[in-house]
Amino acid sequence: MNCSISGEVPEEPVVSRNSGLLFEKRLIERHISDYGKCPITGEPLTMDDIVPIKTGKIVKPRPVQAASIPGMLGMFQNVWNLGYEEWDGLMLSNFALEQQLHTARQELSHALYQHDAACRVIARLKKERDEARSLLAQAERQYPVSALNAPTANAPVLSNGKRAAEDEDLAPGAKKIHPGISSSVISELTDCNAALSQQRKKRQIPATLAPIEALESYTQISSHPFHKTNKQGIISLDILYSKDLIATGGIDTNAVIFDRPSGQILSTLSGHSKKVTSVKFVAQGESILTGSADKTVRLWQGSDDGNYNCRHILKDHTAEAPFVSDLPRCSIACCRPKFSLVIGFVFMSGKSKEFSTTTYKVQAVTVHATNNYFVTASLDGSWCFYELSSGTCLTQVFDSSGSSEGYTSAAFHPDGLILGTGTTESLVKIWDVKSQANVARFDGHAGPVTAISFSENGYFLATAAHDGVKLWDLRKLKNFRNFAPYDSETPTNSVEFDHSGSYLAIAGSDIRIYQVANVKSEWNCIKTFPDLSGTGKATCVKFGADSKYIAVGSMDRNLRIFGLPGEDAPSES
């Protein structure tokens, strides 16, 4: 029988009355004096509970060391050095360590089990949260539009220069309810996409397109001072090809409609309280959309007397959000030639990159190829999809990833099922319009993305930021070419493909025209126009019909037209 502590045959065996365990007498006496309990069961134990056991005299066999005098001397020396006290202490210490190890193993096993159970609970809660969010989003889409958003036949009208009665503001923290993009709207978008994709396969470069030799000979042929002298700066423009009309948006809160062949201003749209930052023609009727730093988008309708009346004032972008002050340039959007106009929000050129919450809310407006819908993008981190005829916001989309960056530019793909947006955090996000899902992200820019332009062939995307222009292949979702035309202190304010997809214009401290090639071939710079405004800040650029001329806006109040000298040039205003 062995000692329960040392595991060896005891010389003075004793047994516990309580547990019946066998111990070496000197070991159990020391353990009781130190701890006062049984080393095995942990129950209280005293020396009165220890009963000695009488055994016969056992003669131990002689050890190997005792077979010779040197061995015996060595054995005696070891016993003298070690001593019974040291040996007893070693046995007790070893036993205590084994007990601690066993306890630690049990605690670790329990902790691991608790961690695994907690992970399972967290995963289940996350799944339930996502399902609840999905059900809430579906409920919001199916909920009827509130009376505040519903258009009425007696909507307030605003003529040129007169302010209409605006819709009532929402209470702080209130949220508008949007009906969502219905299946009929999705069918209309899909049919438009199929028709335009089929046409694109048969598309040919028009024979009337200005050749490279002509662009190399372009020079300034006219200059037109449109906006007020005390608030100078044209920060956006658009061209209606069918009637050769040009619309500009200025810092003076006005938008101007200009007839280029006659050199006359047809109309001045007044009503915004802050800068008009983007302008677009809508190819259906004489309609105009204007957006401003006053956080509103206005839908204008042409009248028989040549003026424009404000039919809707849209105020869905109301959240306070940081923006980049004096950010360069305007947004570029895709538009089909016919007869109408849209104005949205854009950035002014400048050097400061500090964030503020006092100005510039809606940053871009882009019109769908059906000309029945349009999208606005804002620094509040959302983009809104509107029905043009009623001015109803069908849906407002926030990034589900929870990112806080605002949108600085936006443009529809020519086929209309893809939306591109640029952000304050140097990202380009590609959205599926039908599902409102973010399907791709492009990074690599430095500074906010100030402009976006899709090529008419549907394959290329050009984006501009402080570090220049990047070209993206939408088929492989990768960047294949970069342009850095200016120094590190000069931002790129605008980028624009012509309607044929043959030329690319870049605006910053000057204006540069490139010949469009394929992914592997070199994109050559055809012509560089100096910024004749003297400000060193060309803010927007647009090709005329068949690239017969190029319209440029700068930080002075003049619209400049570049083309062949003497060819259909209007007189200067």
Protein backbone atom coordinates (compact mmCIF):
# COMPACT_ATOMS: atom_id res chain seq x y z
CA MET A 1 0.00 0.00 0.00
CA ASN A 2 1.27 3.44 -0.93
CA CYS A 3 1.03 6.90 0.62
CA SER A 4 -1.74 9.02 -0.95
CA ILE A 5 0.67 11.99 -1.04
CA SER A 6 4.08 10.62 -2.08
CA GLY A 7 2.89 7.48 -3.85
CA GLU A 8 5.54 5.44 -2.06
CA VAL A 9 5.38 2.73 0.64
CA PRO A 10 5.16 4.61 3.98
CA GLU A 11 7.67 3.92 6.74
CA GLU A 12 5.17 5.03 9.44
CA PRO A 13 1.74 4.44 7.89
CA VAL A 14 -1.30 6.23 9.31
CA VAL A 15 -4.91 6.27 8.12
CA SER A 16 -7.60 8.96 8.24
CA ARG A 17 -10.73 8.15 10.25
CA ASN A 18 -12.86 10.28 7.88
CA SER A 19 -11.66 9.23 4.42
CA GLY A 20 -9.87 5.98 5.13
CA LEU A 21 -6.87 7.12 3.09
CA LEU A 22 -3.32 5.98 3.87
CA PHE A 23 -0.52 8.52 4.46
CA GLU A 24 3.09 8.76 5.54
CA LYS A 25 2.87 10.08 9.12
CA ARG A 26 5.40 12.88 8.81
CA LEU A 27 3.87 14.12 5.50
CA ILE A 28 0.28 14.24 6.75
CA GLU A 29 1.35 15.90 10.02
CA ARG A 30 3.06 18.71 8.11
CA HIS A 31 0.13 19.12 5.72
CA ILE A 32 -2.35 19.35 8.63
CA SER A 33 -0.19 21.93 10.39
CA ASP A 34 -0.07 24.06 7.18
CA TYR A 35 -3.64 23.66 5.82
CA GLY A 36 -5.80 21.89 8.42
CA LYS A 37 -7.59 19.73 5.88
CA CYS A 38 -7.32 16.49 3.97
CA PRO A 39 -5.04 16.88 0.93
CA ILE A 40 -7.25 14.56 -1.16
CA THR A 41 -10.89 15.28 -0.19
CA GLY A 42 -10.41 18.82 1.13
CA GLU A 43 -12.43 18.06 4.26
CA PRO A 44 -11.28 19.45 7.66
CA LEU A 45 -8.71 17.14 9.28
CA THR A 46 -6.87 17.14 12.63
CA MET A 47 -4.24 14.91 14.17
CA ASP A 48 -6.94 13.33 16.36
CA ASP A 49 -8.46 11.94 13.15
CA ILE A 50 -5.21 10.15 12.27
CA VAL A 51 -4.86 6.52 13.41
CA PRO A 52 -1.43 4.84 13.25
CA ILE A 53 -1.20 1.39 11.67
CA LYS A 54 1.01 -1.30 13.12
CA THR A 55 2.84 -3.41 10.57
CA GLY A 56 5.38 -6.14 10.72
CA LYS A 57 9.04 -5.34 10.50
CA ILE A 58 9.96 -5.23 6.87
CA VAL A 59 13.50 -5.75 5.83
CA LYS A 60 14.12 -3.78 2.72
CA PRO A 61 16.38 -5.24 0.11
CA ARG A 62 19.83 -3.76 -0.05
CA PRO A 63 19.98 -1.07 -2.73
CA VAL A 64 22.56 -1.24 -5.49
CA GLN A 65 24.46 1.67 -4.01
CA ALA A 66 24.98 -0.32 -0.81
CA ALA A 67 26.76 -3.16 -2.60
CA SER A 68 30.11 -1.38 -2.29
CA ILE A 69 31.84 0.89 0.15
CA PRO A 70 32.10 3.86 -2.32
CA GLY A 71 28.41 3.46 -3.16
CA MET A 72 27.45 3.43 0.50
CA LEU A 73 29.53 6.54 1.17
CA GLY A 74 27.83 8.35 -1.71
CA MET A 75 24.38 7.29 -0.50
CA PHE A 76 25.07 8.49 3.00
CA GLN A 77 26.33 11.79 1.63
CA ASN A 78 23.13 12.34 -0.39
CA VAL A 79 20.93 11.55 2.56
CA TRP A 80 22.91 13.96 4.70
CA ASN A 81 22.64 16.77 2.09
CA LEU A 82 19.00 16.36 1.30
CA GLY A 83 17.62 15.60 4.72
CA TYR A 84 14.18 14.51 5.57
CA GLU A 85 12.85 18.07 5.89
CA GLU A 86 13.78 19.02 2.33
CA TRP A 87 12.35 15.82 0.94
CA ASP A 88 9.05 16.32 2.74
CA GLY A 89 8.78 19.88 1.48
CA LEU A 90 9.42 18.75 -2.08
CA MET A 91 6.69 16.14 -1.89
CA LEU A 92 4.14 18.61 -0.51
CA SER A 93 5.02 21.27 -3.10
CA ASN A 94 4.73 18.81 -5.95
CA PHE A 95 1.34 17.66 -4.71
CA ALA A 96 0.08 21.27 -4.42
CA LEU A 97 1.20 22.01 -7.99
CA GLU A 98 -0.67 18.99 -9.30
CA GLN A 99 -3.82 20.15 -7.51
CA GLN A 100 -3.50 23.66 -8.98
CA LEU A 101 -2.96 22.27 -12.47
CA HIS A 102 -6.09 20.18 -12.21
CA THR A 103 -8.14 23.20 -11.02
CA ALA A 104 -6.76 25.43 -13.82
CA ARG A 105 -7.70 22.86 -16.45
CA GLN A 106 -11.26 22.72 -15.15
CA GLU A 107 -11.57 26.54 -15.16
CA LEU A 108 -10.18 26.80 -18.71
CA SER A 109 -12.61 24.18 -19.97
CA HIS A 110 -15.52 26.08 -18.41
CA ALA A 111 -14.36 29.42 -19.89
CA LEU A 112 -14.06 27.94 -23.37
CA TYR A 113 -17.57 26.53 -23.13
CA GLN A 114 -18.93 29.94 -22.06
CA HIS A 115 -17.14 31.68 -24.97
CA ASP A 116 -18.55 29.24 -27.50
CA ALA A 117 -22.07 29.70 -26.11
CA ALA A 118 -21.72 33.52 -26.23
CA CYS A 119 -20.59 33.42 -29.88
CA ARG A 120 -23.62 31.34 -30.79
CA VAL A 121 -25.97 33.80 -29.06
CA ILE A 122 -24.36 36.82 -30.78
CA ALA A 123 -24.63 35.17 -34.20
CA ARG A 124 -28.30 34.42 -33.64
CA LEU A 125 -29.01 38.02 -32.51
CA LYS A 126 -27.25 39.44 -35.57
CA LYS A 127 -29.31 37.23 -37.85
CA GLU A 128 -32.54 38.34 -36.17
CA ARG A 129 -31.44 42.01 -36.44
CA ASP A 130 -30.74 41.70 -40.19
CA GLU A 131 -34.09 40.01 -40.77
CA ALA A 132 -35.85 42.80 -38.85
CA ARG A 133 -34.08 45.47 -40.91
CA SER A 134 -35.09 43.73 -44.12
CA LEU A 135 -38.73 43.55 -43.03
CA LEU A 136 -38.65 47.24 -42.02
CA ALA A 137 -37.24 48.26 -45.41
CA GLN A 138 -39.96 46.31 -47.22
CA ALA A 139 -42.62 47.90 -45.03
CA GLU A 140 -41.31 51.40 -45.79
CA ARG A 141 -41.44 50.70 -49.53
CA GLN A 142 -45.03 49.46 -49.34
CA TYR A 143 -46.25 52.24 -47.05
CA PRO A 144 -48.21 54.93 -48.96
CA VAL A 145 -46.55 58.29 -49.62
CA SER A 146 -47.38 60.91 -47.01
CA ALA A 147 -49.47 63.92 -47.89
CA LEU A 148 -46.43 66.14 -47.52
CA ASN A 149 -44.73 64.44 -50.46
CA ALA A 150 -47.80 63.94 -52.68
CA PRO A 151 -47.92 66.35 -55.62
CA THR A 152 -51.12 68.35 -56.11
CA ALA A 153 -52.70 69.93 -59.10
CA ASN A 154 -52.59 73.28 -57.31
CA ALA A 155 -48.86 73.14 -56.55
CA PRO A 156 -47.23 76.54 -55.99
CA VAL A 157 -45.76 78.11 -59.08
CA LEU A 158 -42.63 80.24 -59.22
CA SER A 159 -41.97 82.48 -62.22
CA ASN A 160 -38.58 83.93 -63.06
CA GLY A 161 -37.31 86.10 -60.24
CA LYS A 162 -40.18 85.33 -57.81
CA ARG A 163 -40.08 82.90 -54.92
CA ALA A 164 -42.94 80.39 -54.57
CA ALA A 165 -44.36 79.19 -51.28
CA GLU A 166 -42.22 76.25 -50.18
CA ASP A 167 -43.40 73.02 -48.62
CA GLU A 168 -43.58 72.93 -44.85
CA ASP A 169 -40.38 71.85 -43.17
CA LEU A 170 -40.32 68.54 -41.33
CA ALA A 171 -40.02 68.54 -37.57
CA PRO A 172 -36.52 67.91 -36.19
CA GLY A 173 -35.64 64.24 -36.45
CA ALA A 174 -38.68 63.49 -38.66
CA LYS A 175 -38.20 61.13 -41.59
CA LYS A 176 -40.12 61.13 -44.85
CA ILE A 177 -41.66 57.88 -45.99
CA HIS A 178 -40.97 56.88 -49.60
CA PRO A 179 -43.02 54.38 -51.63
CA GLY A 180 -40.00 52.63 -53.18
CA ILE A 181 -39.23 51.76 -56.79
CA SER A 182 -42.22 49.74 -58.00
CA SER A 183 -42.11 46.75 -60.34
CA SER A 184 -43.56 48.85 -63.17
CA VAL A 185 -40.75 51.38 -62.83
CA ILE A 186 -38.18 48.56 -62.79
CA SER A 187 -39.76 47.12 -65.94
CA GLU A 188 -39.50 50.52 -67.63
CA LEU A 189 -35.83 50.83 -66.65
CA THR A 190 -35.11 47.28 -67.85
CA ASP A 191 -36.82 47.84 -71.21
CA CYS A 192 -34.86 51.06 -71.71
CA ASN A 193 -31.64 49.23 -70.89
CA ALA A 194 -32.39 46.46 -73.39
CA ALA A 195 -33.21 48.95 -76.17
CA LEU A 196 -30.14 51.13 -75.59
CA SER A 197 -27.82 48.11 -75.31
CA GLN A 198 -29.12 46.81 -78.63
CA GLN A 199 -28.60 50.21 -80.27
CA ARG A 200 -25.09 50.45 -78.87
CA LYS A 201 -24.05 47.24 -80.63
CA LYS A 202 -24.89 48.90 -83.95
CA ARG A 203 -23.47 52.30 -82.97
CA GLN A 204 -21.06 53.97 -85.38
CA ILE A 205 -19.07 57.16 -85.05
CA PRO A 206 -21.09 59.87 -86.86
CA ALA A 207 -19.57 61.18 -90.04
CA THR A 208 -20.26 64.75 -88.86
CA LEU A 209 -18.01 64.37 -85.80
CA ALA A 210 -15.24 66.96 -85.69
CA PRO A 211 -11.91 65.30 -86.68
CA ILE A 212 -8.75 65.49 -84.61
CA GLU A 213 -7.23 68.01 -87.05
CA ALA A 214 -10.14 70.38 -86.36
CA LEU A 215 -9.79 70.13 -82.58
CA GLU A 216 -6.09 70.91 -82.87
CA SER A 217 -7.05 74.22 -84.52
CA TYR A 218 -9.68 75.23 -81.95
CA THR A 219 -9.30 78.61 -80.27
CA GLN A 220 -11.61 80.89 -78.28
CA ILE A 221 -14.30 82.21 -80.61
CA SER A 222 -16.61 83.93 -78.08
CA SER A 223 -17.00 84.91 -74.44
CA HIS A 224 -20.29 85.68 -72.67
CA PRO A 225 -20.60 87.35 -69.23
CA PHE A 226 -23.77 85.82 -67.76
CA HIS A 227 -23.74 86.10 -64.01
CA LYS A 228 -23.49 88.92 -61.49
CA THR A 229 -20.23 90.79 -61.08
CA ASN A 230 -20.31 90.80 -57.25
CA LYS A 231 -20.60 86.98 -57.11
CA GLN A 232 -18.59 85.69 -60.01
CA GLY A 233 -18.17 82.07 -60.95
CA ILE A 234 -19.78 79.54 -63.32
CA ILE A 235 -19.56 76.18 -61.61
CA SER A 236 -21.67 73.95 -63.89
CA LEU A 237 -23.04 73.81 -67.41
CA ASP A 238 -24.96 71.59 -69.79
CA ILE A 239 -25.82 71.66 -73.51
CA LEU A 240 -29.09 70.81 -75.28
CA TYR A 241 -27.78 69.51 -78.60
CA SER A 242 -31.04 69.63 -80.57
CA LYS A 243 -31.44 73.42 -80.14
CA ASP A 244 -27.85 74.33 -79.30
CA LEU A 245 -28.85 75.81 -75.92
CA ILE A 246 -26.39 76.12 -73.07
CA ALA A 247 -27.38 76.27 -69.39
CA THR A 248 -25.03 77.51 -66.69
CA GLY A 249 -25.26 77.49 -62.89
CA GLY A 250 -23.50 80.19 -60.91
CA ILE A 251 -22.38 81.30 -57.48
CA ASP A 252 -24.87 84.19 -57.73
CA THR A 253 -27.76 81.72 -57.02
CA ASN A 254 -29.03 81.94 -60.63
CA ALA A 255 -29.16 79.62 -63.61
CA VAL A 256 -28.97 81.06 -67.11
CA ILE A 257 -30.33 79.59 -70.38
CA PHE A 258 -28.30 80.80 -73.37
CA ASP A 259 -29.00 80.44 -77.10
CA ARG A 260 -25.55 79.98 -78.62
CA PRO A 261 -26.36 80.61 -82.33
CA SER A 262 -27.96 84.01 -81.60
CA GLY A 263 -25.76 84.87 -78.64
CA GLN A 264 -28.84 85.81 -76.56
CA ILE A 265 -29.86 84.94 -72.99
CA LEU A 266 -33.28 83.30 -73.19
CA SER A 267 -34.05 83.13 -69.47
CA THR A 268 -32.59 83.59 -66.01
CA LEU A 269 -33.88 81.25 -63.30
CA SER A 270 -33.94 82.84 -59.85
CA GLY A 271 -35.28 81.42 -56.62
CA HIS A 272 -32.53 79.61 -54.79
CA SER A 273 -31.06 81.29 -51.74
CA LYS A 274 -27.56 79.84 -52.25
CA LYS A 275 -25.26 78.72 -55.04
CA VAL A 276 -26.63 76.70 -57.96
CA THR A 277 -24.05 74.01 -58.39
CA SER A 278 -25.10 71.71 -61.24
CA VAL A 279 -27.17 72.06 -64.39
CA LYS A 280 -28.72 69.49 -66.73
CA PHE A 281 -31.23 69.51 -69.57
CA VAL A 282 -34.00 66.90 -69.38
CA ALA A 283 -34.88 65.44 -72.75
CA GLN A 284 -38.65 65.61 -72.29
CA GLY A 285 -40.56 68.89 -72.65
CA GLU A 286 -39.23 72.22 -71.49
CA SER A 287 -38.41 71.13 -67.94
CA ILE A 288 -35.49 72.21 -65.80
CA LEU A 289 -34.18 70.90 -62.47
CA THR A 290 -32.14 73.22 -60.30
CA GLY A 291 -30.37 72.30 -57.10
CA SER A 292 -28.53 74.49 -54.65
CA ALA A 293 -26.53 74.78 -51.47
CA ASP A 294 -29.81 75.72 -49.81
CA LYS A 295 -30.51 71.94 -49.68
CA THR A 296 -33.37 72.05 -52.20
CA VAL A 297 -33.90 70.80 -55.74
CA ARG A 298 -36.34 72.77 -57.88
CA LEU A 299 -38.25 71.42 -60.86
CA TRP A 300 -39.03 74.15 -63.41
CA GLN A 301 -41.51 73.97 -66.29
CA GLY A 302 -41.33 76.14 -69.40
CA SER A 303 -44.31 78.34 -70.27
CA ASP A 304 -45.62 79.81 -73.52
CA ASP A 305 -44.14 83.23 -72.77
CA GLY A 306 -40.62 81.80 -72.63
CA ASN A 307 -40.29 81.94 -68.85
CA TYR A 308 -39.93 79.00 -66.46
CA ASN A 309 -42.24 78.31 -63.52
CA CYS A 310 -41.16 76.37 -60.47
CA ARG A 311 -43.52 73.39 -60.11
CA HIS A 312 -41.84 71.49 -57.27
CA ILE A 313 -39.42 72.27 -54.47
CA LEU A 314 -37.83 69.00 -53.32
CA LYS A 315 -36.39 68.87 -49.80
CA ASP A 316 -35.54 65.24 -49.13
CA HIS A 317 -31.87 65.94 -48.34
CA THR A 318 -32.23 67.66 -44.99
CA ALA A 319 -29.77 65.85 -42.71
CA GLU A 320 -26.79 67.77 -41.42
CA ALA A 321 -23.58 66.25 -42.79
CA PRO A 322 -19.92 67.33 -43.12
CA PHE A 323 -18.71 68.50 -46.47
CA VAL A 324 -15.45 69.57 -48.01
CA SER A 325 -15.51 73.35 -48.26
CA ASP A 326 -14.60 74.94 -51.56
CA LEU A 327 -14.17 71.53 -53.15
CA PRO A 328 -13.24 71.79 -56.82
CA ARG A 329 -15.64 71.31 -59.64
CA CYS A 330 -19.09 70.14 -60.55
CA SER A 331 -20.69 66.77 -61.07
CA ILE A 332 -21.09 65.33 -64.55
CA ALA A 333 -24.15 63.35 -65.55
CA CYS A 334 -25.35 61.47 -68.58
CA CYS A 335 -28.11 63.10 -70.68
CA ARG A 336 -29.83 62.39 -74.01
CA PRO A 337 -30.38 65.19 -76.51
CA LYS A 338 -33.94 66.54 -76.86
CA PHE A 339 -35.44 69.53 -75.19
CA SER A 340 -35.17 70.13 -71.44
CA LEU A 341 -32.77 70.89 -68.66
CA VAL A 342 -31.67 69.82 -65.17
CA ILE A 343 -29.64 71.78 -62.63
CA GLY A 344 -28.03 70.16 -59.58
CA PHE A 345 -25.24 70.76 -57.07
CA VAL A 346 -21.52 70.87 -57.53
CA PHE A 347 -18.35 71.88 -55.79
CA MET A 348 -16.50 75.16 -56.15
CA SER A 349 -12.80 75.03 -56.77
CA GLY A 350 -10.51 75.86 -53.88
CA LYS A 351 -7.63 74.70 -51.72
CA SER A 352 -9.25 74.21 -48.31
CA LYS A 353 -10.17 70.69 -47.27
CA GLU A 354 -11.74 71.47 -43.90
CA PHE A 355 -15.11 69.97 -43.04
CA SER A 356 -18.19 72.03 -42.18
CA THR A 357 -21.93 71.55 -41.74
CA THR A 358 -23.19 74.94 -42.89
CA THR A 359 -23.34 74.72 -46.71
CA TYR A 360 -23.52 72.41 -49.71
CA LYS A 361 -25.98 69.63 -49.07
CA VAL A 362 -27.07 68.25 -52.45
CA GLN A 363 -24.02 67.87 -54.66
CA ALA A 364 -25.18 66.26 -57.91
CA VAL A 365 -28.20 65.67 -60.13
CA THR A 366 -28.19 63.10 -62.93
CA VAL A 367 -31.04 62.23 -65.33
CA HIS A 368 -31.99 58.71 -66.38
CA ALA A 369 -31.97 57.79 -70.07
CA THR A 370 -35.78 57.44 -70.07
CA ASN A 371 -35.98 61.13 -69.10
CA ASN A 372 -38.72 60.13 -66.67
CA TYR A 373 -36.54 59.81 -63.57
CA PHE A 374 -33.56 61.50 -61.99
CA VAL A 375 -31.23 61.02 -59.01
CA THR A 376 -29.82 63.53 -56.55
CA ALA A 377 -26.76 62.84 -54.39
CA SER A 378 -25.91 64.63 -51.16
CA LEU A 379 -23.29 65.03 -48.49
CA ASP A 380 -25.80 63.63 -46.00
CA GLY A 381 -24.64 60.21 -47.24
CA SER A 382 -27.69 59.38 -49.37
CA TRP A 383 -28.94 59.48 -52.94
CA CYS A 384 -32.61 59.90 -53.90
CA PHE A 385 -34.44 58.44 -56.89
CA TYR A 386 -37.24 60.74 -58.17
CA GLU A 387 -40.09 60.52 -60.62
CA LEU A 388 -39.76 63.55 -62.87
CA SER A 389 -43.41 64.16 -63.74
CA SER A 390 -44.64 64.37 -60.14
CA GLY A 391 -41.45 65.29 -58.32
CA THR A 392 -41.99 62.35 -55.96
CA CYS A 393 -38.99 60.80 -54.22
CA LEU A 394 -39.51 57.07 -54.74
CA THR A 395 -36.63 55.99 -52.52
CA GLN A 396 -33.74 57.42 -50.52
CA VAL A 397 -30.71 55.14 -50.29
CA PHE A 398 -28.06 55.16 -47.57
CA ASP A 399 -25.00 52.93 -47.62
CA SER A 400 -25.86 49.79 -45.62
CA SER A 401 -22.22 49.43 -44.55
CA GLY A 402 -22.72 52.31 -42.14
CA SER A 403 -20.04 54.53 -43.70
CA SER A 404 -20.43 58.23 -42.98
CA GLU A 405 -18.96 59.72 -46.14
CA GLY A 406 -21.14 62.01 -48.26
CA TYR A 407 -21.61 61.91 -52.02
CA THR A 408 -19.84 64.56 -54.06
CA SER A 409 -20.78 63.52 -57.62
CA ALA A 410 -23.13 61.15 -59.43
CA ALA A 411 -23.91 59.93 -62.95
CA PHE A 412 -26.09 57.32 -64.61
CA HIS A 413 -24.51 54.74 -66.90
CA PRO A 414 -25.75 55.33 -70.49
CA ASP A 415 -27.93 52.20 -70.27
CA GLY A 416 -29.58 53.41 -67.07
CA LEU A 417 -29.39 50.40 -64.74
CA ILE A 418 -26.11 51.43 -63.10
CA LEU A 419 -25.46 54.54 -61.03
CA GLY A 420 -21.98 55.83 -60.22
CA THR A 421 -21.29 58.05 -57.19
CA GLY A 422 -18.16 59.73 -55.86
CA THR A 423 -17.61 60.29 -52.14
CA THR A 424 -15.75 62.63 -49.82
CA GLU A 425 -13.55 59.67 -48.81
CA SER A 426 -12.00 59.22 -52.30
CA LEU A 427 -14.22 56.24 -53.17
CA VAL A 428 -16.19 55.58 -56.34
CA LYS A 429 -19.29 53.46 -55.67
CA ILE A 430 -21.26 51.62 -58.35
CA TRP A 431 -24.94 50.90 -57.59
CA ASP A 432 -27.55 48.58 -59.08
CA VAL A 433 -30.53 50.92 -59.51
CA LYS A 434 -33.15 48.13 -59.42
CA SER A 435 -32.05 46.71 -56.07
CA GLN A 436 -30.32 49.87 -54.76
CA ALA A 437 -27.35 47.66 -53.83
CA ASN A 438 -23.72 48.77 -53.88
CA VAL A 439 -22.20 46.26 -56.33
CA ALA A 440 -18.65 47.63 -56.74
CA ARG A 441 -16.20 50.09 -55.19
CA PHE A 442 -13.15 51.73 -56.73
CA ASP A 443 -10.48 53.31 -54.54
CA GLY A 444 -7.11 54.92 -55.18
CA HIS A 445 -7.97 58.61 -55.50
CA ALA A 446 -6.64 61.30 -53.17
CA GLY A 447 -9.30 63.73 -51.98
CA PRO A 448 -13.03 63.82 -52.73
CA VAL A 449 -14.16 62.52 -56.13
CA THR A 450 -15.30 65.74 -57.82
CA ALA A 451 -16.61 64.42 -61.15
CA ILE A 452 -17.80 61.22 -62.83
CA SER A 453 -18.41 60.56 -66.53
CA PHE A 454 -19.38 57.34 -68.34
CA SER A 455 -18.29 56.83 -71.92
CA GLU A 456 -21.06 56.34 -74.48
CA ASN A 457 -19.69 52.88 -75.34
CA GLY A 458 -20.61 51.80 -71.79
CA TYR A 459 -17.17 50.28 -71.09
CA PHE A 460 -15.18 53.17 -69.62
CA LEU A 461 -15.67 55.35 -66.55
CA ALA A 462 -13.63 58.51 -65.92
CA THR A 463 -13.37 59.96 -62.41
CA ALA A 464 -11.68 63.16 -61.26
CA ALA A 465 -10.26 64.13 -57.87
CA HIS A 466 -7.48 66.25 -56.39
CA ASP A 467 -4.82 63.87 -57.73
CA GLY A 468 -6.06 63.92 -61.34
CA VAL A 469 -8.18 61.58 -63.47
CA LYS A 470 -8.48 57.79 -63.35
CA LEU A 471 -9.95 55.61 -66.10
CA TRP A 472 -11.75 52.39 -65.14
CA ASP A 473 -12.65 49.36 -67.25
CA LEU A 474 -16.18 48.41 -66.18
CA ARG A 475 -15.87 44.96 -67.75
CA LYS A 476 -12.98 43.96 -65.47
CA LEU A 477 -13.66 46.49 -62.68
CA LYS A 478 -10.12 47.79 -62.60
CA ASN A 479 -8.15 50.97 -63.20
CA PHE A 480 -6.20 50.90 -66.47
CA ARG A 481 -4.92 54.47 -66.92
CA ASN A 482 -4.21 57.63 -64.88
CA PHE A 483 -3.77 61.26 -65.84
CA ALA A 484 -2.05 63.70 -63.49
CA PRO A 485 -1.97 66.86 -65.63
CA TYR A 486 -1.43 69.33 -62.78
CA ASP A 487 0.84 69.74 -59.77
CA SER A 488 -0.09 68.52 -56.29
CA GLU A 489 -1.59 71.89 -55.34
CA THR A 490 -3.93 72.08 -58.35
CA PRO A 491 -7.08 69.93 -58.27
CA THR A 492 -8.82 68.46 -61.29
CA ASN A 493 -12.28 70.04 -61.31
CA SER A 494 -14.06 68.34 -64.21
CA VAL A 495 -13.88 65.38 -66.57
CA GLU A 496 -16.24 64.71 -69.50
CA PHE A 497 -16.55 62.30 -72.43
CA ASP A 498 -18.07 63.69 -75.61
CA HIS A 499 -21.39 62.17 -76.76
CA SER A 500 -19.71 59.92 -79.35
CA GLY A 501 -17.18 58.56 -76.84
CA SER A 502 -14.27 59.68 -79.06
CA TYR A 503 -12.83 62.49 -76.93
CA LEU A 504 -12.21 63.18 -73.24
CA ALA A 505 -11.95 66.68 -71.71
CA ILE A 506 -10.24 67.53 -68.40
CA ALA A 507 -10.50 70.90 -66.66
CA GLY A 508 -8.35 72.32 -63.87
CA SER A 509 -5.83 75.13 -64.22
CA ASP A 510 -6.30 74.66 -67.98
CA ILE A 511 -8.44 72.54 -70.33
CA ARG A 512 -7.01 69.44 -72.03
CA ILE A 513 -8.57 67.30 -74.75
CA TYR A 514 -7.55 63.63 -75.16
CA GLN A 515 -8.26 61.17 -77.93
CA VAL A 516 -10.09 58.11 -76.56
CA ALA A 517 -8.39 54.80 -77.35
CA ASN A 518 -8.72 51.27 -75.94
CA VAL A 519 -7.34 49.82 -72.71
CA LYS A 520 -3.91 48.97 -74.10
CA SER A 521 -3.37 51.91 -76.49
CA GLU A 522 -2.11 55.35 -75.51
CA TRP A 523 -4.64 58.16 -74.97
CA ASN A 524 -2.93 61.12 -76.65
CA CYS A 525 -3.44 64.75 -75.63
CA ILE A 526 -4.78 66.54 -78.72
CA LYS A 527 -5.06 70.12 -77.49
CA THR A 528 -4.48 72.21 -74.37
CA PHE A 529 -6.44 75.44 -73.89
CA PRO A 530 -5.22 77.98 -71.31
CA ASP A 531 -7.62 79.28 -68.69
CA LEU A 532 -8.30 82.77 -70.06
CA SER A 533 -10.29 83.84 -67.00
CA GLY A 534 -7.11 84.69 -65.12
CA THR A 535 -8.33 82.76 -62.08
CA GLY A 536 -6.50 79.53 -62.92
CA LYS A 537 -9.67 77.58 -62.12
CA ALA A 538 -11.62 76.09 -65.00
CA THR A 539 -14.58 74.54 -63.17
CA CYS A 540 -16.57 72.75 -65.89
CA VAL A 541 -16.25 71.69 -69.52
CA LYS A 542 -18.71 70.26 -72.06
CA PHE A 543 -18.52 69.22 -75.72
CA GLY A 544 -21.02 70.69 -78.17
CA ALA A 545 -22.94 68.65 -80.73
CA ASP A 546 -20.51 66.47 -82.75
CA SER A 547 -17.70 68.18 -80.78
CA LYS A 548 -17.99 71.19 -83.12
CA TYR A 549 -17.18 73.43 -80.16
CA ILE A 550 -16.24 73.17 -76.47
CA ALA A 551 -17.94 75.20 -73.73
CA VAL A 552 -15.93 76.10 -70.62
CA GLY A 553 -16.97 77.70 -67.34
CA SER A 554 -14.47 79.31 -64.94
CA MET A 555 -14.39 81.21 -61.68
CA ASP A 556 -15.08 84.49 -63.45
CA ARG A 557 -18.60 85.12 -64.82
CA ASN A 558 -17.86 84.36 -68.46
CA LEU A 559 -18.87 81.35 -70.53
CA ARG A 560 -16.15 80.72 -73.12
CA ILE A 561 -16.67 78.91 -76.42
CA PHE A 562 -13.71 77.24 -78.17
CA GLY A 563 -14.02 76.22 -81.80
CA LEU A 564 -12.76 76.83 -85.34
CA PRO A 565 -12.34 80.56 -86.02
CA GLY A 566 -15.10 82.00 -88.16
CA GLU A 567 -17.21 78.83 -88.20
CA ASP A 568 -20.75 79.60 -87.03
CA ALA A 569 -19.39 81.80 -84.25
CA PRO A 570 -21.95 84.01 -82.44
CA SER A 571 -21.18 87.60 -81.64
CA GLU A 572 -19.75 88.22 -78.18
CA SER A 573 -22.22 89.38 -75.55
